[in-house]
Amino acid sequence: MELIFICPARNREFSTSRWWIPHSLTAVSDRKGGKRLQGKVEAFCPYCNVFHEFEPDQIPCPLKSERSTEV
């Protein structure tokens, strides 16, 4: 499965299936009951030819539109 990433060195978007979770992801809750994933995802960057490390919330969601007004 391909995911979308943004190269931290060149600020350019790329999609790749060359990614993995080196350890584990954990669901954490905040005081208001919100949840988010905590951990690391590594992905091969075609611009830098190296693996970059990303937090799960740094990975853009392809289903979420920036133009969307839904809350």
C-alpha atoms as a PDB file:
ATOM      1  CA  MET A   1       0.000   0.000   0.000  1.00  0.00           C
ATOM      2  CA  GLU A   2       1.343   3.421  -0.925  1.00  0.00           C
ATOM      3  CA  LEU A   3       1.258   6.290   1.538  1.00  0.00           C
ATOM      4  CA  ILE A   4       1.925   9.969   0.912  1.00  0.00           C
ATOM      5  CA  PHE A   5       4.880  11.649   2.625  1.00  0.00           C
ATOM      6  CA  ILE A   6       6.511  15.084   2.476  1.00  0.00           C
ATOM      7  CA  CYS A   7      10.304  15.152   2.187  1.00  0.00           C
ATOM      8  CA  PRO A   8      11.596  17.176   5.162  1.00  0.00           C
ATOM      9  CA  ALA A   9      14.708  18.281   3.253  1.00  0.00           C
ATOM     10  CA  ARG A  10      13.016  19.430   0.027  1.00  0.00           C
ATOM     11  CA  ASN A  11       9.436  20.005   1.191  1.00  0.00           C
ATOM     12  CA  ARG A  12       8.156  17.941  -1.750  1.00  0.00           C
ATOM     13  CA  GLU A  13       5.382  15.384  -1.666  1.00  0.00           C
ATOM     14  CA  PHE A  14       5.968  11.791  -2.732  1.00  0.00           C
ATOM     15  CA  SER A  15       4.090   8.513  -2.481  1.00  0.00           C
ATOM     16  CA  THR A  16       5.751   5.181  -1.855  1.00  0.00           C
ATOM     17  CA  SER A  17       5.093   1.647  -0.736  1.00  0.00           C
ATOM     18  CA  ARG A  18       8.651   1.480   0.663  1.00  0.00           C
ATOM     19  CA  TRP A  19       7.748   2.314   4.243  1.00  0.00           C
ATOM     20  CA  TRP A  20       7.556   0.411   7.511  1.00  0.00           C
ATOM     21  CA  ILE A  21       7.006   0.774  11.212  1.00  0.00           C
ATOM     22  CA  PRO A  22      10.374   0.016  12.878  1.00  0.00           C
ATOM     23  CA  HIS A  23       8.887  -0.579  16.342  1.00  0.00           C
ATOM     24  CA  SER A  24       5.225  -0.287  17.223  1.00  0.00           C
ATOM     25  CA  LEU A  25       2.497   2.311  17.051  1.00  0.00           C
ATOM     26  CA  THR A  26       0.508   3.042  20.178  1.00  0.00           C
ATOM     27  CA  ALA A  27      -2.885   4.729  20.445  1.00  0.00           C
ATOM     28  CA  VAL A  28      -2.750   7.417  23.138  1.00  0.00           C
ATOM     29  CA  SER A  29      -5.667   9.396  24.567  1.00  0.00           C
ATOM     30  CA  ASP A  30      -5.649  12.992  25.707  1.00  0.00           C
ATOM     31  CA  ARG A  31      -7.659  14.395  28.617  1.00  0.00           C
ATOM     32  CA  LYS A  32     -10.577  15.298  26.339  1.00  0.00           C
ATOM     33  CA  GLY A  33     -10.892  11.739  25.011  1.00  0.00           C
ATOM     34  CA  GLY A  34      -9.180  12.440  21.674  1.00  0.00           C
ATOM     35  CA  LYS A  35      -6.918   9.714  20.315  1.00  0.00           C
ATOM     36  CA  ARG A  36      -3.823   9.762  18.144  1.00  0.00           C
ATOM     37  CA  LEU A  37      -1.107   7.349  17.097  1.00  0.00           C
ATOM     38  CA  GLN A  38       2.308   7.638  18.680  1.00  0.00           C
ATOM     39  CA  GLY A  39       5.414   6.066  17.178  1.00  0.00           C
ATOM     40  CA  LYS A  40       7.597   6.279  14.079  1.00  0.00           C
ATOM     41  CA  VAL A  41       7.186   5.406  10.411  1.00  0.00           C
ATOM     42  CA  GLU A  42      10.212   5.218   8.095  1.00  0.00           C
ATOM     43  CA  ALA A  43       9.867   5.814   4.355  1.00  0.00           C
ATOM     44  CA  PHE A  44      12.337   5.783   1.460  1.00  0.00           C
ATOM     45  CA  CYS A  45      12.582   9.248  -0.113  1.00  0.00           C
ATOM     46  CA  PRO A  46      13.129   9.288  -3.890  1.00  0.00           C
ATOM     47  CA  TYR A  47      14.502  12.854  -3.721  1.00  0.00           C
ATOM     48  CA  CYS A  48      17.210  12.240  -1.116  1.00  0.00           C
ATOM     49  CA  ASN A  49      17.675   8.478  -1.686  1.00  0.00           C
ATOM     50  CA  VAL A  50      17.562   7.874   2.057  1.00  0.00           C
ATOM     51  CA  PHE A  51      14.982   6.803   4.620  1.00  0.00           C
ATOM     52  CA  HIS A  52      13.283   9.596   6.553  1.00  0.00           C
ATOM     53  CA  GLU A  53      11.517   9.097   9.869  1.00  0.00           C
ATOM     54  CA  PHE A  54       7.997  10.476  10.354  1.00  0.00           C
ATOM     55  CA  GLU A  55       5.524  10.774  13.211  1.00  0.00           C
ATOM     56  CA  PRO A  56       2.113   9.350  12.205  1.00  0.00           C
ATOM     57  CA  ASP A  57       0.531  12.830  12.318  1.00  0.00           C
ATOM     58  CA  GLN A  58       3.101  14.051   9.740  1.00  0.00           C
ATOM     59  CA  ILE A  59       1.686  11.700   7.101  1.00  0.00           C
ATOM     60  CA  PRO A  60      -0.996  13.444   5.014  1.00  0.00           C
ATOM     61  CA  CYS A  61      -4.348  11.711   4.819  1.00  0.00           C
ATOM     62  CA  PRO A  62      -5.412  11.260   1.164  1.00  0.00           C
ATOM     63  CA  LEU A  63      -9.071  11.222   2.233  1.00  0.00           C
ATOM     64  CA  LYS A  64      -8.873  14.621   3.934  1.00  0.00           C
ATOM     65  CA  SER A  65      -9.278  17.646   1.680  1.00  0.00           C
ATOM     66  CA  GLU A  66      -7.715  20.939   2.723  1.00  0.00           C
ATOM     67  CA  ARG A  67     -10.669  22.638   1.046  1.00  0.00           C
ATOM     68  CA  SER A  68     -13.210  20.656   3.043  1.00  0.00           C
ATOM     69  CA  THR A  69     -15.397  22.672   5.389  1.00  0.00           C
ATOM     70  CA  GLU A  70     -16.733  19.634   7.228  1.00  0.00           C
ATOM     71  CA  VAL A  71     -15.923  19.358  10.916  1.00  0.00           C
END
